[in-house]
Amino acid sequence: MGKALLFPLLSILVIIAYAGILGVLFMLLNHKVWEEWAVVILGVIITVGVPSIAFYAQKKVESS
């Protein structure tokens, strides 16, 4: 199996793992903590946090 097939398959596996972990985390929060509000709060943190981190990382890369 060459690199032409390895990298796309590896990226698919990473996305599946990320989605699985995130799904389990949301289910655990929904059942154990504040039910819907824990999921909403974590979703907002992810929605705001990921672009913010990307913005500051890009700013740091451009300044160096």
N, C-alpha and C. Protein backbone atom coordinates (compact mmCIF):
# COMPACT_ATOMS: atom_id res chain seq x y z
N MET A 1 0.86 -1.19 0.00
CA MET A 1 0.00 0.00 0.00
C MET A 1 0.89 1.23 0.00
N GLY A 2 0.72 2.07 -0.98
CA GLY A 2 1.56 3.25 -1.12
C GLY A 2 1.03 4.42 -0.30
N LYS A 3 1.80 5.46 -0.33
CA LYS A 3 1.41 6.67 0.39
C LYS A 3 0.15 7.30 -0.17
N ALA A 4 -0.11 7.04 -1.46
CA ALA A 4 -1.31 7.62 -2.07
C ALA A 4 -2.58 7.08 -1.43
N LEU A 5 -2.54 5.89 -0.89
CA LEU A 5 -3.71 5.32 -0.20
C LEU A 5 -3.60 5.46 1.31
N LEU A 6 -2.38 5.49 1.81
CA LEU A 6 -2.19 5.51 3.26
C LEU A 6 -2.69 6.80 3.90
N PHE A 7 -2.35 7.94 3.34
CA PHE A 7 -2.73 9.21 3.95
C PHE A 7 -4.23 9.46 3.94
N PRO A 8 -4.95 9.19 2.86
CA PRO A 8 -6.41 9.36 2.92
C PRO A 8 -7.07 8.41 3.94
N LEU A 9 -6.61 7.17 4.01
CA LEU A 9 -7.17 6.23 4.98
C LEU A 9 -6.85 6.67 6.41
N LEU A 10 -5.65 7.16 6.61
CA LEU A 10 -5.27 7.64 7.93
C LEU A 10 -6.11 8.85 8.34
N SER A 11 -6.37 9.75 7.40
CA SER A 11 -7.20 10.92 7.72
C SER A 11 -8.64 10.50 8.04
N ILE A 12 -9.16 9.51 7.34
CA ILE A 12 -10.50 9.01 7.63
C ILE A 12 -10.54 8.39 9.03
N LEU A 13 -9.53 7.63 9.39
CA LEU A 13 -9.48 7.02 10.72
C LEU A 13 -9.38 8.07 11.83
N VAL A 14 -8.63 9.12 11.58
CA VAL A 14 -8.51 10.19 12.58
C VAL A 14 -9.86 10.89 12.77
N ILE A 15 -10.57 11.14 11.68
CA ILE A 15 -11.88 11.79 11.78
C ILE A 15 -12.87 10.90 12.49
N ILE A 16 -12.85 9.60 12.19
CA ILE A 16 -13.75 8.65 12.87
C ILE A 16 -13.46 8.61 14.37
N ALA A 17 -12.19 8.58 14.74
CA ALA A 17 -11.82 8.56 16.16
C ALA A 17 -12.25 9.85 16.86
N TYR A 18 -12.01 10.99 16.21
CA TYR A 18 -12.38 12.28 16.78
C TYR A 18 -13.90 12.36 16.98
N ALA A 19 -14.65 11.96 15.97
CA ALA A 19 -16.11 12.00 16.07
C ALA A 19 -16.62 11.03 17.12
N GLY A 20 -16.01 9.88 17.22
CA GLY A 20 -16.42 8.90 18.22
C GLY A 20 -16.18 9.39 19.64
N ILE A 21 -15.00 9.94 19.86
CA ILE A 21 -14.67 10.46 21.19
C ILE A 21 -15.59 11.62 21.55
N LEU A 22 -15.83 12.51 20.59
CA LEU A 22 -16.71 13.65 20.84
C LEU A 22 -18.15 13.18 21.10
N GLY A 23 -18.61 12.20 20.36
CA GLY A 23 -19.96 11.66 20.56
C GLY A 23 -20.12 11.03 21.93
N VAL A 24 -19.14 10.24 22.34
CA VAL A 24 -19.20 9.62 23.68
C VAL A 24 -19.16 10.68 24.76
N LEU A 25 -18.34 11.70 24.58
CA LEU A 25 -18.25 12.79 25.56
C LEU A 25 -19.60 13.50 25.69
N PHE A 26 -20.23 13.81 24.55
CA PHE A 26 -21.54 14.46 24.59
C PHE A 26 -22.58 13.58 25.27
N MET A 27 -22.56 12.28 25.00
CA MET A 27 -23.53 11.38 25.63
C MET A 27 -23.31 11.29 27.14
N LEU A 28 -22.05 11.21 27.56
CA LEU A 28 -21.76 11.16 28.99
C LEU A 28 -22.18 12.45 29.68
N LEU A 29 -21.89 13.58 29.07
CA LEU A 29 -22.31 14.85 29.66
C LEU A 29 -23.82 14.94 29.73
N ASN A 30 -24.50 14.47 28.71
CA ASN A 30 -25.96 14.54 28.68
C ASN A 30 -26.59 13.69 29.79
N HIS A 31 -25.99 12.56 30.10
CA HIS A 31 -26.58 11.67 31.09
C HIS A 31 -26.09 11.93 32.51
N LYS A 32 -24.89 12.45 32.67
CA LYS A 32 -24.31 12.53 34.01
C LYS A 32 -24.32 13.92 34.63
N VAL A 33 -24.23 14.97 33.85
CA VAL A 33 -24.01 16.29 34.43
C VAL A 33 -25.31 17.08 34.45
N TRP A 34 -25.44 18.09 33.62
CA TRP A 34 -26.60 18.97 33.61
C TRP A 34 -27.54 18.66 32.47
N GLU A 35 -27.47 17.48 31.96
CA GLU A 35 -28.26 17.05 30.81
C GLU A 35 -27.99 17.95 29.61
N GLU A 36 -29.00 18.63 29.08
CA GLU A 36 -28.80 19.38 27.83
C GLU A 36 -27.83 20.55 27.97
N TRP A 37 -27.81 21.20 29.13
CA TRP A 37 -27.00 22.41 29.27
C TRP A 37 -25.51 22.12 29.19
N ALA A 38 -25.08 20.97 29.68
CA ALA A 38 -23.65 20.63 29.58
C ALA A 38 -23.24 20.47 28.13
N VAL A 39 -24.11 19.86 27.34
CA VAL A 39 -23.81 19.67 25.92
C VAL A 39 -23.80 21.01 25.20
N VAL A 40 -24.74 21.88 25.53
CA VAL A 40 -24.79 23.20 24.91
C VAL A 40 -23.55 24.01 25.25
N ILE A 41 -23.14 23.99 26.51
CA ILE A 41 -21.97 24.75 26.95
C ILE A 41 -20.71 24.23 26.26
N LEU A 42 -20.54 22.90 26.21
CA LEU A 42 -19.37 22.34 25.54
C LEU A 42 -19.39 22.65 24.05
N GLY A 43 -20.54 22.60 23.42
CA GLY A 43 -20.65 22.95 22.01
C GLY A 43 -20.27 24.39 21.74
N VAL A 44 -20.68 25.29 22.62
CA VAL A 44 -20.32 26.71 22.46
C VAL A 44 -18.82 26.89 22.65
N ILE A 45 -18.26 26.20 23.63
CA ILE A 45 -16.81 26.30 23.87
C ILE A 45 -16.04 25.82 22.65
N ILE A 46 -16.47 24.72 22.06
CA ILE A 46 -15.79 24.19 20.88
C ILE A 46 -15.98 25.14 19.70
N THR A 47 -17.20 25.65 19.53
CA THR A 47 -17.51 26.52 18.39
C THR A 47 -16.73 27.83 18.46
N VAL A 48 -16.55 28.37 19.65
CA VAL A 48 -15.82 29.63 19.80
C VAL A 48 -14.32 29.37 19.97
N GLY A 49 -13.98 28.32 20.67
CA GLY A 49 -12.59 28.06 21.01
C GLY A 49 -11.71 27.66 19.85
N VAL A 50 -12.20 26.78 19.00
CA VAL A 50 -11.37 26.29 17.89
C VAL A 50 -10.98 27.42 16.93
N PRO A 51 -11.93 28.25 16.46
CA PRO A 51 -11.50 29.36 15.60
C PRO A 51 -10.61 30.38 16.31
N SER A 52 -10.84 30.58 17.60
CA SER A 52 -9.99 31.52 18.35
C SER A 52 -8.56 31.01 18.43
N ILE A 53 -8.40 29.73 18.72
CA ILE A 53 -7.06 29.15 18.77
C ILE A 53 -6.40 29.23 17.40
N ALA A 54 -7.15 28.95 16.35
CA ALA A 54 -6.60 29.02 14.99
C ALA A 54 -6.19 30.45 14.65
N PHE A 55 -6.99 31.43 15.07
CA PHE A 55 -6.67 32.82 14.80
C PHE A 55 -5.35 33.22 15.47
N TYR A 56 -5.21 32.89 16.75
CA TYR A 56 -3.99 33.27 17.46
C TYR A 56 -2.78 32.48 16.97
N ALA A 57 -2.98 31.23 16.57
CA ALA A 57 -1.87 30.46 16.01
C ALA A 57 -1.42 31.05 14.68
N GLN A 58 -2.36 31.43 13.85
CA GLN A 58 -2.02 32.05 12.57
C GLN A 58 -1.31 33.39 12.78
N LYS A 59 -1.77 34.15 13.74
CA LYS A 59 -1.14 35.43 14.05
C LYS A 59 0.31 35.24 14.50
N LYS A 60 0.52 34.20 15.30
CA LYS A 60 1.87 33.93 15.79
C LYS A 60 2.78 33.46 14.65
N VAL A 61 2.25 32.65 13.76
CA VAL A 61 3.04 32.15 12.65
C VAL A 61 3.40 33.30 11.70
N GLU A 62 2.46 34.20 11.45
CA GLU A 62 2.73 35.32 10.55
C GLU A 62 3.72 36.31 11.14
N SER A 63 3.73 36.45 12.46
CA SER A 63 4.63 37.42 13.07
C SER A 63 6.08 36.90 13.14
N SER A 64 6.26 35.59 13.05
CA SER A 64 7.65 35.08 13.14
C SER A 64 8.31 34.89 11.82
